[in-house]
Amino acid sequence: KARGHNGDVVIDVSFENNKIKKVSLKESVETEDVGKLAIEKLIEKVNS
């Protein structure tokens, strides 16, 4: 959890054998076409 533009950004991070397996967005009130898209872009990057 961390403070975002409009409130808290909350994510779930799954680990497997000390490595990040998957990140998913749990809660966000970031701006639909800027902040949220940026978060989704970063999630895609981590999951890759």
All heavy atoms as atom14 arrays in JSON, in Angstrom:
{
  "sequence": "KARGHNGDVVIDVSFENNKIKKVSLKESVETEDVGKLAIEKLIEKVNS",
  "atom14_mask": [
    [1, 1, 1, 1, 1, 1, 1, 1, 1, 0, 0, 0, 0, 0],
    [1, 1, 1, 1, 1, 0, 0, 0, 0, 0, 0, 0, 0, 0],
    [1, 1, 1, 1, 1, 1, 1, 1, 1, 1, 1, 0, 0, 0],
    [1, 1, 1, 1, 0, 0, 0, 0, 0, 0, 0, 0, 0, 0],
    [1, 1, 1, 1, 1, 1, 1, 1, 1, 1, 0, 0, 0, 0],
    [1, 1, 1, 1, 1, 1, 1, 1, 0, 0, 0, 0, 0, 0],
    [1, 1, 1, 1, 0, 0, 0, 0, 0, 0, 0, 0, 0, 0],
    [1, 1, 1, 1, 1, 1, 1, 1, 0, 0, 0, 0, 0, 0],
    [1, 1, 1, 1, 1, 1, 1, 0, 0, 0, 0, 0, 0, 0],
    [1, 1, 1, 1, 1, 1, 1, 0, 0, 0, 0, 0, 0, 0],
    [1, 1, 1, 1, 1, 1, 1, 1, 0, 0, 0, 0, 0, 0],
    [1, 1, 1, 1, 1, 1, 1, 1, 0, 0, 0, 0, 0, 0],
    [1, 1, 1, 1, 1, 1, 1, 0, 0, 0, 0, 0, 0, 0],
    [1, 1, 1, 1, 1, 1, 0, 0, 0, 0, 0, 0, 0, 0],
    [1, 1, 1, 1, 1, 1, 1, 1, 1, 1, 1, 0, 0, 0],
    [1, 1, 1, 1, 1, 1, 1, 1, 1, 0, 0, 0, 0, 0],
    [1, 1, 1, 1, 1, 1, 1, 1, 0, 0, 0, 0, 0, 0],
    [1, 1, 1, 1, 1, 1, 1, 1, 0, 0, 0, 0, 0, 0],
    [1, 1, 1, 1, 1, 1, 1, 1, 1, 0, 0, 0, 0, 0],
    [1, 1, 1, 1, 1, 1, 1, 1, 0, 0, 0, 0, 0, 0],
    [1, 1, 1, 1, 1, 1, 1, 1, 1, 0, 0, 0, 0, 0],
    [1, 1, 1, 1, 1, 1, 1, 1, 1, 0, 0, 0, 0, 0],
    [1, 1, 1, 1, 1, 1, 1, 0, 0, 0, 0, 0, 0, 0],
    [1, 1, 1, 1, 1, 1, 0, 0, 0, 0, 0, 0, 0, 0],
    [1, 1, 1, 1, 1, 1, 1, 1, 0, 0, 0, 0, 0, 0],
    [1, 1, 1, 1, 1, 1, 1, 1, 1, 0, 0, 0, 0, 0],
    [1, 1, 1, 1, 1, 1, 1, 1, 1, 0, 0, 0, 0, 0],
    [1, 1, 1, 1, 1, 1, 0, 0, 0, 0, 0, 0, 0, 0],
    [1, 1, 1, 1, 1, 1, 1, 0, 0, 0, 0, 0, 0, 0],
    [1, 1, 1, 1, 1, 1, 1, 1, 1, 0, 0, 0, 0, 0],
    [1, 1, 1, 1, 1, 1, 1, 0, 0, 0, 0, 0, 0, 0],
    [1, 1, 1, 1, 1, 1, 1, 1, 1, 0, 0, 0, 0, 0],
    [1, 1, 1, 1, 1, 1, 1, 1, 0, 0, 0, 0, 0, 0],
    [1, 1, 1, 1, 1, 1, 1, 0, 0, 0, 0, 0, 0, 0],
    [1, 1, 1, 1, 0, 0, 0, 0, 0, 0, 0, 0, 0, 0],
    [1, 1, 1, 1, 1, 1, 1, 1, 1, 0, 0, 0, 0, 0],
    [1, 1, 1, 1, 1, 1, 1, 1, 0, 0, 0, 0, 0, 0],
    [1, 1, 1, 1, 1, 0, 0, 0, 0, 0, 0, 0, 0, 0],
    [1, 1, 1, 1, 1, 1, 1, 1, 0, 0, 0, 0, 0, 0],
    [1, 1, 1, 1, 1, 1, 1, 1, 1, 0, 0, 0, 0, 0],
    [1, 1, 1, 1, 1, 1, 1, 1, 1, 0, 0, 0, 0, 0],
    [1, 1, 1, 1, 1, 1, 1, 1, 0, 0, 0, 0, 0, 0],
    [1, 1, 1, 1, 1, 1, 1, 1, 0, 0, 0, 0, 0, 0],
    [1, 1, 1, 1, 1, 1, 1, 1, 1, 0, 0, 0, 0, 0],
    [1, 1, 1, 1, 1, 1, 1, 1, 1, 0, 0, 0, 0, 0],
    [1, 1, 1, 1, 1, 1, 1, 0, 0, 0, 0, 0, 0, 0],
    [1, 1, 1, 1, 1, 1, 1, 1, 0, 0, 0, 0, 0, 0],
    [1, 1, 1, 1, 1, 1, 0, 0, 0, 0, 0, 0, 0, 0]
  ],
  "atom14_positions": [
    [[0.83, -1.19, 0.0], [0.0, 0.0, 0.0], [0.87, 1.25, 0.0], [1.91, 1.31, 0.65], [-0.91, 0.01, 1.24], [-1.85, 1.21, 1.31], [-2.61, 1.25, 2.64], [-3.58, 0.09, 2.76], [-4.43, 0.23, 3.99], [0.0, 0.0, 0.0], [0.0, 0.0, 0.0], [0.0, 0.0, 0.0], [0.0, 0.0, 0.0], [0.0, 0.0, 0.0]],
    [[0.43, 2.28, -0.74], [1.14, 3.57, -0.77], [0.16, 4.66, -1.17], [-0.84, 4.41, -1.86], [2.32, 3.53, -1.72], [0.0, 0.0, 0.0], [0.0, 0.0, 0.0], [0.0, 0.0, 0.0], [0.0, 0.0, 0.0], [0.0, 0.0, 0.0], [0.0, 0.0, 0.0], [0.0, 0.0, 0.0], [0.0, 0.0, 0.0], [0.0, 0.0, 0.0]],
    [[0.46, 5.87, -0.75], [-0.39, 7.01, -1.06], [-0.25, 7.4, -2.53], [0.85, 7.56, -3.05], [0.02, 8.2, -0.19], [-0.67, 9.54, -0.49], [-2.07, 9.61, 0.08], [-2.64, 10.93, -0.15], [-2.47, 11.97, 0.68], [-1.75, 11.83, 1.77], [-3.04, 13.14, 0.42], [0.0, 0.0, 0.0], [0.0, 0.0, 0.0], [0.0, 0.0, 0.0]],
    [[-1.39, 7.53, -3.23], [-1.39, 7.92, -4.62], [-1.92, 9.32, -4.83], [-2.04, 10.11, -3.88], [0.0, 0.0, 0.0], [0.0, 0.0, 0.0], [0.0, 0.0, 0.0], [0.0, 0.0, 0.0], [0.0, 0.0, 0.0], [0.0, 0.0, 0.0], [0.0, 0.0, 0.0], [0.0, 0.0, 0.0], [0.0, 0.0, 0.0], [0.0, 0.0, 0.0]],
    [[-2.28, 9.64, -6.07], [-2.77, 10.98, -6.41], [-4.07, 11.29, -5.7], [-4.25, 12.37, -5.13], [-2.96, 11.07, -7.93], [-3.5, 12.39, -8.39], [-4.84, 12.68, -8.36], [-2.87, 13.48, -8.88], [-5.02, 13.91, -8.82], [-3.85, 14.42, -9.14], [0.0, 0.0, 0.0], [0.0, 0.0, 0.0], [0.0, 0.0, 0.0], [0.0, 0.0, 0.0]],
    [[-5.02, 10.36, -5.73], [-6.34, 10.61, -5.15], [-6.64, 9.77, -3.92], [-7.73, 9.85, -3.36], [-7.42, 10.33, -6.21], [-7.29, 11.23, -7.41], [-7.02, 12.41, -7.27], [-7.48, 10.67, -8.6], [0.0, 0.0, 0.0], [0.0, 0.0, 0.0], [0.0, 0.0, 0.0], [0.0, 0.0, 0.0], [0.0, 0.0, 0.0], [0.0, 0.0, 0.0]],
    [[-5.69, 8.97, -3.48], [-5.9, 8.1, -2.32], [-4.89, 6.97, -2.33], [-3.88, 7.03, -3.04], [0.0, 0.0, 0.0], [0.0, 0.0, 0.0], [0.0, 0.0, 0.0], [0.0, 0.0, 0.0], [0.0, 0.0, 0.0], [0.0, 0.0, 0.0], [0.0, 0.0, 0.0], [0.0, 0.0, 0.0], [0.0, 0.0, 0.0], [0.0, 0.0, 0.0]],
    [[-5.15, 5.92, -1.56], [-4.22, 4.8, -1.47], [-4.27, 3.93, -2.71], [-5.34, 3.63, -3.26], [-4.52, 3.94, -0.25], [-4.11, 4.62, 1.05], [-3.2, 5.48, 1.0], [-4.68, 4.29, 2.1], [0.0, 0.0, 0.0], [0.0, 0.0, 0.0], [0.0, 0.0, 0.0], [0.0, 0.0, 0.0], [0.0, 0.0, 0.0], [0.0, 0.0, 0.0]],
    [[-3.1, 3.5, -3.15], [-2.98, 2.47, -4.19], [-2.63, 1.18, -3.48], [-1.63, 1.1, -2.76], [-1.87, 2.83, -5.21], [-1.62, 1.66, -6.15], [-2.26, 4.07, -6.0], [0.0, 0.0, 0.0], [0.0, 0.0, 0.0], [0.0, 0.0, 0.0], [0.0, 0.0, 0.0], [0.0, 0.0, 0.0], [0.0, 0.0, 0.0], [0.0, 0.0, 0.0]],
    [[-3.47, 0.16, -3.64], [-3.29, -1.11, -2.94], [-3.12, -2.23, -3.98], [-3.92, -2.33, -4.91], [-4.49, -1.43, -2.03], [-4.22, -2.7, -1.23], [-4.79, -0.26, -1.09], [0.0, 0.0, 0.0], [0.0, 0.0, 0.0], [0.0, 0.0, 0.0], [0.0, 0.0, 0.0], [0.0, 0.0, 0.0], [0.0, 0.0, 0.0], [0.0, 0.0, 0.0]],
    [[-2.07, -3.02, -3.8], [-1.81, -4.11, -4.74], [-1.58, -5.41, -3.99], [-1.22, -5.4, -2.81], [-0.59, -3.82, -5.63], [0.67, -3.64, -4.77], [-0.83, -2.61, -6.51], [1.95, -3.47, -5.58], [0.0, 0.0, 0.0], [0.0, 0.0, 0.0], [0.0, 0.0, 0.0], [0.0, 0.0, 0.0], [0.0, 0.0, 0.0], [0.0, 0.0, 0.0]],
    [[-1.79, -6.52, -4.67], [-1.46, -7.85, -4.16], [-0.27, -8.36, -4.94], [-0.26, -8.32, -6.17], [-2.63, -8.82, -4.32], [-3.69, -8.65, -3.24], [-3.34, -8.18, -2.14], [-4.87, -8.96, -3.51], [0.0, 0.0, 0.0], [0.0, 0.0, 0.0], [0.0, 0.0, 0.0], [0.0, 0.0, 0.0], [0.0, 0.0, 0.0], [0.0, 0.0, 0.0]],
    [[0.74, -8.85, -4.2], [1.95, -9.37, -4.83], [2.14, -10.83, -4.42], [2.3, -11.13, -3.24], [3.19, -8.55, -4.43], [4.42, -9.07, -5.16], [2.98, -7.07, -4.74], [0.0, 0.0, 0.0], [0.0, 0.0, 0.0], [0.0, 0.0, 0.0], [0.0, 0.0, 0.0], [0.0, 0.0, 0.0], [0.0, 0.0, 0.0], [0.0, 0.0, 0.0]],
    [[2.09, -11.72, -5.4], [2.26, -13.15, -5.15], [3.71, -13.56, -5.36], [4.32, -13.19, -6.37], [1.36, -13.97, -6.08], [0.0, -13.66, -5.85], [0.0, 0.0, 0.0], [0.0, 0.0, 0.0], [0.0, 0.0, 0.0], [0.0, 0.0, 0.0], [0.0, 0.0, 0.0], [0.0, 0.0, 0.0], [0.0, 0.0, 0.0], [0.0, 0.0, 0.0]],
    [[4.25, -14.33, -4.39], [5.64, -14.79, -4.45], [5.68, -16.3, -4.59], [4.83, -17.02, -4.05], [6.4, -14.39, -3.19], [6.57, -12.91, -3.02], [5.57, -12.14, -2.46], [7.74, -12.29, -3.42], [5.72, -10.78, -2.29], [7.91, -10.93, -3.26], [6.89, -10.16, -2.7], [0.0, 0.0, 0.0], [0.0, 0.0, 0.0], [0.0, 0.0, 0.0]],
    [[6.69, -16.79, -5.29], [6.93, -18.23, -5.4], [8.43, -18.46, -5.39], [9.15, -17.99, -6.27], [6.31, -18.77, -6.68], [6.38, -20.3, -6.81], [5.62, -20.8, -8.01], [4.37, -20.86, -7.95], [6.27, -21.1, -9.03], [0.0, 0.0, 0.0], [0.0, 0.0, 0.0], [0.0, 0.0, 0.0], [0.0, 0.0, 0.0], [0.0, 0.0, 0.0]],
    [[8.9, -19.13, -4.34], [10.33, -19.41, -4.19], [11.18, -18.14, -4.29], [12.12, -18.05, -5.09], [10.8, -20.45, -5.22], [10.16, -21.8, -5.0], [9.9, -22.2, -3.85], [9.88, -22.51, -6.08], [0.0, 0.0, 0.0], [0.0, 0.0, 0.0], [0.0, 0.0, 0.0], [0.0, 0.0, 0.0], [0.0, 0.0, 0.0], [0.0, 0.0, 0.0]],
    [[10.79, -17.15, -3.5], [11.54, -15.88, -3.38], [11.43, -14.96, -4.59], [12.11, -13.94, -4.65], [13.03, -16.14, -3.11], [13.25, -16.87, -1.81], [12.4, -16.86, -0.92], [14.39, -17.53, -1.68], [0.0, 0.0, 0.0], [0.0, 0.0, 0.0], [0.0, 0.0, 0.0], [0.0, 0.0, 0.0], [0.0, 0.0, 0.0], [0.0, 0.0, 0.0]],
    [[10.59, -15.34, -5.55], [10.46, -14.51, -6.73], [9.02, -14.02, -6.88], [8.08, -14.72, -6.5], [10.86, -15.3, -7.98], [12.34, -15.66, -8.02], [12.69, -16.39, -9.31], [14.17, -16.72, -9.37], [14.52, -17.44, -10.62], [0.0, 0.0, 0.0], [0.0, 0.0, 0.0], [0.0, 0.0, 0.0], [0.0, 0.0, 0.0], [0.0, 0.0, 0.0]],
    [[8.89, -12.82, -7.45], [7.55, -12.28, -7.69], [6.93, -13.04, -8.85], [7.47, -13.07, -9.96], [7.62, -10.77, -8.01], [8.09, -9.99, -6.78], [6.25, -10.26, -8.46], [8.26, -8.52, -7.01], [0.0, 0.0, 0.0], [0.0, 0.0, 0.0], [0.0, 0.0, 0.0], [0.0, 0.0, 0.0], [0.0, 0.0, 0.0], [0.0, 0.0, 0.0]],
    [[5.79, -13.65, -8.59], [5.1, -14.42, -9.62], [4.07, -13.56, -10.34], [3.95, -13.6, -11.57], [4.4, -15.62, -8.98], [3.7, -16.53, -9.99], [3.05, -17.71, -9.3], [2.35, -18.62, -10.32], [1.67, -19.76, -9.64], [0.0, 0.0, 0.0], [0.0, 0.0, 0.0], [0.0, 0.0, 0.0], [0.0, 0.0, 0.0], [0.0, 0.0, 0.0]],
    [[3.32, -12.76, -9.57], [2.26, -11.95, -10.18], [1.91, -10.77, -9.3], [1.87, -10.88, -8.08], [1.01, -12.79, -10.44], [-0.11, -12.05, -11.16], [-1.32, -12.95, -11.38], [-2.43, -12.17, -12.09], [-3.65, -13.01, -12.28], [0.0, 0.0, 0.0], [0.0, 0.0, 0.0], [0.0, 0.0, 0.0], [0.0, 0.0, 0.0], [0.0, 0.0, 0.0]],
    [[1.64, -9.62, -9.96], [1.16, -8.43, -9.26], [-0.21, -8.08, -9.82], [-0.42, -8.11, -11.04], [2.12, -7.23, -9.46], [1.53, -5.97, -8.84], [3.47, -7.53, -8.86], [0.0, 0.0, 0.0], [0.0, 0.0, 0.0], [0.0, 0.0, 0.0], [0.0, 0.0, 0.0], [0.0, 0.0, 0.0], [0.0, 0.0, 0.0], [0.0, 0.0, 0.0]],
    [[-1.15, -7.78, -8.94], [-2.48, -7.37, -9.4], [-2.95, -6.16, -8.61], [-2.61, -5.99, -7.43], [-3.48, -8.52, -9.24], [-3.53, -8.97, -7.9], [0.0, 0.0, 0.0], [0.0, 0.0, 0.0], [0.0, 0.0, 0.0], [0.0, 0.0, 0.0], [0.0, 0.0, 0.0], [0.0, 0.0, 0.0], [0.0, 0.0, 0.0], [0.0, 0.0, 0.0]],
    [[-3.71, -5.3, -9.26], [-4.23, -4.09, -8.63], [-5.47, -4.44, -7.81], [-6.44, -4.98, -8.32], [-4.58, -3.05, -9.7], [-5.07, -1.69, -9.2], [-4.02, -1.0, -8.36], [-5.46, -0.81, -10.4], [0.0, 0.0, 0.0], [0.0, 0.0, 0.0], [0.0, 0.0, 0.0], [0.0, 0.0, 0.0], [0.0, 0.0, 0.0], [0.0, 0.0, 0.0]],
    [[-5.43, -4.1, -6.54], [-6.52, -4.42, -5.63], [-7.45, -3.23, -5.43], [-8.67, -3.36, -5.39], [-5.96, -4.89, -4.29], [-6.98, -5.43, -3.3], [-6.28, -5.99, -2.07], [-7.28, -6.59, -1.1], [-6.59, -7.13, 0.12], [0.0, 0.0, 0.0], [0.0, 0.0, 0.0], [0.0, 0.0, 0.0], [0.0, 0.0, 0.0], [0.0, 0.0, 0.0]],
    [[-6.85, -2.05, -5.3], [-7.64, -0.85, -5.03], [-6.91, 0.39, -5.53], [-5.73, 0.55, -5.29], [-7.88, -0.72, -3.52], [-8.7, 0.48, -3.1], [-8.81, 0.57, -1.58], [-8.79, -0.49, -0.91], [-8.91, 1.7, -1.09], [0.0, 0.0, 0.0], [0.0, 0.0, 0.0], [0.0, 0.0, 0.0], [0.0, 0.0, 0.0], [0.0, 0.0, 0.0]],
    [[-7.65, 1.25, -6.25], [-7.05, 2.49, -6.74], [-8.14, 3.47, -7.13], [-9.15, 3.08, -7.71], [-6.15, 2.23, -7.95], [-5.74, 3.45, -8.51], [0.0, 0.0, 0.0], [0.0, 0.0, 0.0], [0.0, 0.0, 0.0], [0.0, 0.0, 0.0], [0.0, 0.0, 0.0], [0.0, 0.0, 0.0], [0.0, 0.0, 0.0], [0.0, 0.0, 0.0]],
    [[-7.93, 4.73, -6.8], [-8.86, 5.79, -7.21], [-8.1, 6.79, -8.08], [-8.44, 7.96, -8.15], [-9.5, 6.49, -6.0], [-10.5, 5.59, -5.32], [-8.45, 6.96, -5.0], [0.0, 0.0, 0.0], [0.0, 0.0, 0.0], [0.0, 0.0, 0.0], [0.0, 0.0, 0.0], [0.0, 0.0, 0.0], [0.0, 0.0, 0.0], [0.0, 0.0, 0.0]],
    [[-7.05, 6.3, -8.73], [-6.27, 7.18, -9.58], [-7.06, 7.56, -10.83], [-7.98, 6.86, -11.26], [-4.95, 6.51, -9.98], [-4.04, 6.24, -8.8], [-3.75, 7.47, -7.98], [-2.84, 8.21, -8.33], [-4.47, 7.7, -6.98], [0.0, 0.0, 0.0], [0.0, 0.0, 0.0], [0.0, 0.0, 0.0], [0.0, 0.0, 0.0], [0.0, 0.0, 0.0]],
    [[-6.68, 8.67, -11.45], [-7.36, 9.16, -12.64], [-7.4, 8.08, -13.71], [-6.38, 7.5, -14.05], [-6.64, 10.41, -13.19], [-6.49, 11.35, -12.13], [-7.45, 11.04, -14.3], [0.0, 0.0, 0.0], [0.0, 0.0, 0.0], [0.0, 0.0, 0.0], [0.0, 0.0, 0.0], [0.0, 0.0, 0.0], [0.0, 0.0, 0.0], [0.0, 0.0, 0.0]],
    [[-8.59, 7.84, -14.26], [-8.81, 6.72, -15.17], [-7.84, 6.7, -16.35], [-7.28, 5.67, -16.69], [-10.26, 6.78, -15.69], [-10.67, 5.58, -16.54], [-10.88, 4.32, -15.73], [-11.12, 4.42, -14.53], [-10.78, 3.23, -16.32], [0.0, 0.0, 0.0], [0.0, 0.0, 0.0], [0.0, 0.0, 0.0], [0.0, 0.0, 0.0], [0.0, 0.0, 0.0]],
    [[-7.63, 7.87, -16.98], [-6.87, 7.88, -18.23], [-5.42, 8.29, -18.07], [-4.72, 8.45, -19.05], [-7.57, 8.79, -19.23], [-8.83, 8.17, -19.77], [-8.74, 7.39, -20.73], [-9.9, 8.43, -19.2], [0.0, 0.0, 0.0], [0.0, 0.0, 0.0], [0.0, 0.0, 0.0], [0.0, 0.0, 0.0], [0.0, 0.0, 0.0], [0.0, 0.0, 0.0]],
    [[-4.96, 8.51, -16.84], [-3.56, 8.85, -16.64], [-2.97, 7.93, -15.58], [-2.2, 7.02, -15.87], [-3.38, 10.33, -16.22], [-1.9, 10.63, -16.04], [-3.97, 11.25, -17.26], [0.0, 0.0, 0.0], [0.0, 0.0, 0.0], [0.0, 0.0, 0.0], [0.0, 0.0, 0.0], [0.0, 0.0, 0.0], [0.0, 0.0, 0.0], [0.0, 0.0, 0.0]],
    [[-3.34, 8.17, -14.32], [-2.76, 7.41, -13.23], [-3.02, 5.92, -13.3], [-2.11, 5.1, -13.16], [0.0, 0.0, 0.0], [0.0, 0.0, 0.0], [0.0, 0.0, 0.0], [0.0, 0.0, 0.0], [0.0, 0.0, 0.0], [0.0, 0.0, 0.0], [0.0, 0.0, 0.0], [0.0, 0.0, 0.0], [0.0, 0.0, 0.0], [0.0, 0.0, 0.0]],
    [[-4.26, 5.55, -13.56], [-4.6, 4.12, -13.58], [-3.93, 3.42, -14.75], [-3.45, 2.29, -14.63], [-6.12, 3.95, -13.66], [-6.57, 2.52, -13.31], [-8.07, 2.45, -13.17], [-8.49, 1.03, -12.79], [-9.96, 0.91, -12.68], [0.0, 0.0, 0.0], [0.0, 0.0, 0.0], [0.0, 0.0, 0.0], [0.0, 0.0, 0.0], [0.0, 0.0, 0.0]],
    [[-3.89, 4.09, -15.9], [-3.22, 3.5, -17.06], [-1.73, 3.33, -16.79], [-1.12, 2.35, -17.21], [-3.43, 4.38, -18.29], [-4.82, 4.33, -18.94], [-4.9, 5.33, -20.08], [-5.13, 2.93, -19.44], [0.0, 0.0, 0.0], [0.0, 0.0, 0.0], [0.0, 0.0, 0.0], [0.0, 0.0, 0.0], [0.0, 0.0, 0.0], [0.0, 0.0, 0.0]],
    [[-1.13, 4.3, -16.08], [0.29, 4.21, -15.74], [0.54, 3.01, -14.84], [1.51, 2.27, -15.02], [0.74, 5.49, -15.06], [0.0, 0.0, 0.0], [0.0, 0.0, 0.0], [0.0, 0.0, 0.0], [0.0, 0.0, 0.0], [0.0, 0.0, 0.0], [0.0, 0.0, 0.0], [0.0, 0.0, 0.0], [0.0, 0.0, 0.0], [0.0, 0.0, 0.0]],
    [[-0.34, 2.82, -13.85], [-0.2, 1.68, -12.93], [-0.33, 0.36, -13.68], [0.45, -0.58, -13.48], [-1.24, 1.78, -11.8], [-0.89, 2.95, -10.87], [-1.3, 0.47, -11.0], [-1.94, 3.24, -9.83], [0.0, 0.0, 0.0], [0.0, 0.0, 0.0], [0.0, 0.0, 0.0], [0.0, 0.0, 0.0], [0.0, 0.0, 0.0], [0.0, 0.0, 0.0]],
    [[-1.31, 0.29, -14.58], [-1.5, -0.93, -15.36], [-0.28, -1.22, -16.24], [0.11, -2.38, -16.42], [-2.76, -0.8, -16.22], [-4.03, -0.84, -15.39], [-5.28, -0.51, -16.2], [-5.13, -0.15, -17.39], [-6.38, -0.61, -15.64], [0.0, 0.0, 0.0], [0.0, 0.0, 0.0], [0.0, 0.0, 0.0], [0.0, 0.0, 0.0], [0.0, 0.0, 0.0]],
    [[0.33, -0.16, -16.76], [1.52, -0.32, -17.58], [2.67, -0.87, -16.74], [3.42, -1.76, -17.19], [1.9, 1.04, -18.17], [3.13, 1.01, -19.08], [3.39, 2.38, -19.67], [4.62, 2.35, -20.57], [4.88, 3.7, -21.15], [0.0, 0.0, 0.0], [0.0, 0.0, 0.0], [0.0, 0.0, 0.0], [0.0, 0.0, 0.0], [0.0, 0.0, 0.0]],
    [[2.82, -0.37, -15.52], [3.89, -0.84, -14.64], [3.65, -2.27, -14.17], [4.59, -3.07, -14.05], [4.02, 0.1, -13.44], [4.58, 1.51, -13.77], [4.42, 2.44, -12.58], [6.04, 1.41, -14.19], [0.0, 0.0, 0.0], [0.0, 0.0, 0.0], [0.0, 0.0, 0.0], [0.0, 0.0, 0.0], [0.0, 0.0, 0.0], [0.0, 0.0, 0.0]],
    [[2.39, -2.61, -13.92], [2.05, -3.98, -13.53], [2.41, -4.96, -14.65], [3.0, -6.03, -14.41], [0.55, -4.1, -13.18], [0.26, -3.42, -11.83], [0.11, -5.56, -13.13], [-1.2, -3.39, -11.45], [0.0, 0.0, 0.0], [0.0, 0.0, 0.0], [0.0, 0.0, 0.0], [0.0, 0.0, 0.0], [0.0, 0.0, 0.0], [0.0, 0.0, 0.0]],
    [[2.07, -4.57, -15.87], [2.41, -5.41, -17.03], [3.92, -5.61, -17.13], [4.4, -6.71, -17.44], [1.87, -4.75, -18.3], [2.1, -5.56, -19.56], [1.51, -4.87, -20.78], [0.83, -3.85, -20.62], [1.75, -5.37, -21.89], [0.0, 0.0, 0.0], [0.0, 0.0, 0.0], [0.0, 0.0, 0.0], [0.0, 0.0, 0.0], [0.0, 0.0, 0.0]],
    [[4.67, -4.56, -16.82], [6.12, -4.62, -16.89], [6.67, -5.6, -15.85], [7.52, -6.45, -16.15], [6.69, -3.23, -16.67], [8.14, -3.06, -17.09], [8.55, -1.59, -17.05], [9.96, -1.42, -17.6], [10.4, -0.01, -17.55], [0.0, 0.0, 0.0], [0.0, 0.0, 0.0], [0.0, 0.0, 0.0], [0.0, 0.0, 0.0], [0.0, 0.0, 0.0]],
    [[6.18, -5.48, -14.61], [6.65, -6.37, -13.53], [6.28, -7.82, -13.83], [7.1, -8.73, -13.65], [6.04, -5.93, -12.18], [6.37, -6.97, -11.1], [6.6, -4.57, -11.77], [0.0, 0.0, 0.0], [0.0, 0.0, 0.0], [0.0, 0.0, 0.0], [0.0, 0.0, 0.0], [0.0, 0.0, 0.0], [0.0, 0.0, 0.0], [0.0, 0.0, 0.0]],
    [[5.05, -8.04, -14.29], [4.6, -9.4, -14.58], [5.37, -10.05, -15.73], [5.35, -11.26, -15.89], [3.1, -9.42, -14.86], [2.28, -9.21, -13.6], [2.77, -9.44, -12.48], [1.05, -8.76, -13.75], [0.0, 0.0, 0.0], [0.0, 0.0, 0.0], [0.0, 0.0, 0.0], [0.0, 0.0, 0.0], [0.0, 0.0, 0.0], [0.0, 0.0, 0.0]],
    [[6.04, -9.22, -16.52], [6.87, -9.76, -17.6], [8.3, -10.02, -17.13], [9.14, -10.48, -17.9], [6.89, -8.78, -18.78], [7.62, -7.62, -18.47], [0.0, 0.0, 0.0], [0.0, 0.0, 0.0], [0.0, 0.0, 0.0], [0.0, 0.0, 0.0], [0.0, 0.0, 0.0], [0.0, 0.0, 0.0], [0.0, 0.0, 0.0], [0.0, 0.0, 0.0]]
  ]
}
